[in-house]
Amino acid sequence: MDILTLIEQGALDRLKTKLAGVKAAGIQRDAAGLFVNPALAAAVLDGDFERITDTTYKAGVTVSVLLKFKQLQGEEQRRKGINPLVIGSTLALFGQTFGLQIKPLRPLRFRNVTTVADQEAGEIKYLVQLGTSFTLKAEGEEAIDDLLRVGLDYFLKPGDATLDASDLVEIGKS
């Protein structure tokens, strides 16, 4: 399993453990398909590379967590619900490594990403972002081929509605 997927799964598992009242959760960029409330999504959506040597780079990544909360009484009540979720989820992930060879997660930023349509539906959404990094070293051809093959195995064959590959990853609780 690749390091990015393990980071995503670790973040999601940690938040699902700490936020037991969350009714829907997924590794994805937004709340699409997460129809119940409250809901959360976690994903690594961006990163950058910094050269250390010709064969080693530091990979810095941003772990993005989308929190979705619904409260029909008004924005004031929604904010009273979402604000503790923003701080609590940040604290739940702060310093975590999920047993991986990564730097501990550190808070970067958060922001309200609620659209007008969300607001009209009585929802509020916040994006919380944390950063980490790990060392990426040049690999042999066999390791590269394995990574590329596994990634391609997740694509559906044309005209095929059956998943060609999937995984259930369980990461030990810290």
Protein backbone atom coordinates (compact mmCIF):
# COMPACT_ATOMS: atom_id res chain seq x y z
CA MET A 1 0.00 0.00 0.00
CA ASP A 2 1.37 3.42 -0.87
CA ILE A 3 2.15 6.08 1.75
CA LEU A 4 -0.50 8.58 0.55
CA THR A 5 -3.30 6.04 0.88
CA LEU A 6 -2.04 5.01 4.32
CA ILE A 7 -2.01 8.66 5.47
CA GLU A 8 -5.59 9.16 4.22
CA GLN A 9 -6.79 5.98 5.87
CA GLY A 10 -5.01 6.83 9.12
CA ALA A 11 -6.63 10.27 9.26
CA LEU A 12 -10.08 8.90 8.50
CA ASP A 13 -9.77 6.06 11.02
CA ARG A 14 -8.57 8.42 13.75
CA LEU A 15 -11.43 10.85 13.15
CA LYS A 16 -14.05 8.09 12.97
CA THR A 17 -12.78 6.78 16.32
CA LYS A 18 -12.81 10.21 17.99
CA LEU A 19 -16.03 11.47 16.36
CA ALA A 20 -18.24 8.47 17.08
CA GLY A 21 -21.38 10.49 16.25
CA VAL A 22 -20.34 10.97 12.62
CA LYS A 23 -22.82 9.07 10.50
CA ALA A 24 -20.94 9.08 7.17
CA ALA A 25 -17.25 9.23 6.34
CA GLY A 26 -15.10 8.63 3.30
CA ILE A 27 -11.73 9.13 1.70
CA GLN A 28 -12.67 11.75 -0.85
CA ARG A 29 -12.24 15.44 -1.64
CA ASP A 30 -15.76 16.59 -0.72
CA ALA A 31 -19.04 15.47 0.83
CA ALA A 32 -20.50 14.08 -2.41
CA GLY A 33 -22.46 10.95 -1.57
CA LEU A 34 -22.28 11.60 2.17
CA PHE A 35 -25.97 12.35 2.55
CA VAL A 36 -26.39 12.04 6.32
CA ASN A 37 -25.16 14.51 8.92
CA PRO A 38 -22.77 15.01 10.50
CA ALA A 39 -20.29 13.73 7.92
CA LEU A 40 -16.59 13.98 7.19
CA ALA A 41 -14.25 13.31 4.31
CA ALA A 42 -10.45 13.07 4.41
CA ALA A 43 -7.97 13.09 1.55
CA VAL A 44 -4.46 14.09 0.54
CA LEU A 45 -5.21 16.65 -2.16
CA ASP A 46 -1.88 18.34 -2.75
CA GLY A 47 1.80 18.25 -1.99
CA ASP A 48 5.21 19.37 -3.10
CA PHE A 49 8.71 17.97 -3.44
CA GLU A 50 12.00 19.38 -2.18
CA ARG A 51 15.31 17.96 -3.38
CA ILE A 52 17.56 16.55 -0.69
CA THR A 53 19.95 14.61 -2.95
CA ASP A 54 19.79 13.33 -6.52
CA THR A 55 17.99 10.19 -5.31
CA THR A 56 16.09 11.53 -2.29
CA TYR A 57 13.31 14.10 -1.99
CA LYS A 58 11.22 15.42 0.84
CA ALA A 59 7.54 15.09 -0.02
CA GLY A 60 5.35 17.58 1.83
CA VAL A 61 1.63 16.82 1.74
CA THR A 62 -1.57 18.47 2.92
CA VAL A 63 -4.21 16.31 4.56
CA SER A 64 -7.60 17.92 3.97
CA VAL A 65 -10.59 17.13 6.18
CA LEU A 66 -14.06 18.30 5.19
CA LEU A 67 -16.58 18.54 8.02
CA LYS A 68 -20.29 18.79 7.22
CA PHE A 69 -22.91 19.64 9.81
CA LYS A 70 -26.65 20.27 9.43
CA GLN A 71 -28.78 22.35 11.77
CA LEU A 72 -32.02 23.84 10.50
CA GLN A 73 -32.46 26.48 13.24
CA GLY A 74 -30.07 28.93 11.60
CA GLU A 75 -26.46 29.84 11.02
CA GLU A 76 -25.79 30.77 14.64
CA GLN A 77 -26.77 27.27 15.76
CA ARG A 78 -24.80 25.66 12.90
CA ARG A 79 -21.70 27.61 13.90
CA LYS A 80 -22.10 26.48 17.51
CA GLY A 81 -22.01 22.91 16.21
CA ILE A 82 -19.26 23.19 13.62
CA ASN A 83 -16.77 25.26 15.63
CA PRO A 84 -16.07 22.54 18.23
CA LEU A 85 -15.82 19.98 15.40
CA VAL A 86 -13.18 22.10 13.65
CA ILE A 87 -11.04 22.45 16.78
CA GLY A 88 -11.67 18.90 17.98
CA SER A 89 -10.78 17.28 14.66
CA THR A 90 -7.65 19.43 14.43
CA LEU A 91 -6.58 18.34 17.91
CA ALA A 92 -7.43 14.70 17.13
CA LEU A 93 -5.02 14.71 14.18
CA PHE A 94 -2.37 17.09 15.55
CA GLY A 95 0.88 15.20 16.19
CA GLN A 96 -0.34 11.92 14.67
CA THR A 97 1.88 9.71 12.51
CA PHE A 98 -0.42 6.63 12.33
CA GLY A 99 2.65 4.46 12.87
CA LEU A 100 4.08 5.59 9.54
CA GLN A 101 7.48 7.07 8.71
CA ILE A 102 6.08 10.61 8.42
CA LYS A 103 6.56 13.80 10.37
CA PRO A 104 3.77 14.37 12.93
CA LEU A 105 0.74 16.14 11.46
CA ARG A 106 0.66 19.87 12.15
CA PRO A 107 -2.28 22.23 11.70
CA LEU A 108 -2.04 24.54 8.68
CA ARG A 109 -5.40 26.29 8.20
CA PHE A 110 -9.16 25.97 8.20
CA ARG A 111 -11.89 27.77 6.30
CA ASN A 112 -15.60 27.86 5.74
CA VAL A 113 -16.40 26.28 2.35
CA THR A 114 -20.19 26.45 2.66
CA THR A 115 -21.92 27.31 -0.62
CA VAL A 116 -25.18 29.23 -0.93
CA ALA A 117 -26.93 25.96 -1.78
CA ASP A 118 -25.46 24.33 1.36
CA GLN A 119 -26.64 27.25 3.49
CA GLU A 120 -30.14 27.08 2.03
CA ALA A 121 -30.19 23.36 2.89
CA GLY A 122 -29.29 24.18 6.51
CA GLU A 123 -25.74 22.86 6.18
CA ILE A 124 -22.35 24.27 7.04
CA LYS A 125 -19.04 22.88 5.74
CA TYR A 126 -15.52 23.56 6.90
CA LEU A 127 -12.22 22.43 5.43
CA VAL A 128 -9.44 21.70 7.94
CA GLN A 129 -5.92 21.22 6.56
CA LEU A 130 -2.91 19.67 8.26
CA GLY A 131 0.58 19.12 6.90
CA THR A 132 3.12 16.35 7.11
CA SER A 133 6.14 15.18 5.15
CA PHE A 134 8.06 12.04 4.40
CA THR A 135 11.19 11.04 2.52
CA LEU A 136 10.81 9.74 -1.01
CA LYS A 137 13.78 7.71 -2.24
CA ALA A 138 14.53 6.38 -5.70
CA GLU A 139 13.25 2.82 -5.96
CA GLY A 140 14.27 -0.11 -8.11
CA GLU A 141 12.33 -0.92 -11.27
CA GLU A 142 10.41 -3.77 -9.57
CA ALA A 143 9.04 -1.47 -6.84
CA ILE A 144 8.06 1.17 -9.40
CA ASP A 145 6.33 -1.45 -11.57
CA ASP A 146 4.42 -2.75 -8.52
CA LEU A 147 3.15 0.73 -7.60
CA LEU A 148 2.04 1.46 -11.15
CA ARG A 149 0.39 -1.95 -11.57
CA VAL A 150 -1.56 -1.62 -8.32
CA GLY A 151 -2.73 1.87 -9.25
CA LEU A 152 -3.90 0.73 -12.67
CA ASP A 153 -5.71 -2.26 -11.15
CA TYR A 154 -8.16 0.18 -9.53
CA PHE A 155 -9.45 1.45 -12.86
CA LEU A 156 -12.57 -0.14 -14.25
CA LYS A 157 -12.25 -1.94 -17.54
CA PRO A 158 -14.26 -0.29 -20.35
CA GLY A 159 -17.89 -1.44 -20.19
CA ASP A 160 -17.30 -3.13 -16.85
CA ALA A 161 -19.19 -1.92 -13.76
CA THR A 162 -17.26 -4.25 -11.46
CA LEU A 163 -14.44 -3.03 -9.30
CA ASP A 164 -11.26 -4.71 -10.46
CA ALA A 165 -9.38 -4.08 -7.23
CA SER A 166 -10.16 -2.83 -3.74
CA ASP A 167 -8.61 -2.95 -0.30
CA LEU A 168 -9.63 -2.88 3.31
CA VAL A 169 -6.82 -1.31 5.28
CA GLU A 170 -6.84 -1.44 9.05
CA ILE A 171 -4.36 0.71 10.90
CA GLY A 172 -3.72 0.08 14.57
CA LYS A 173 -5.26 2.57 16.95
CA SER A 174 -2.82 4.85 18.72
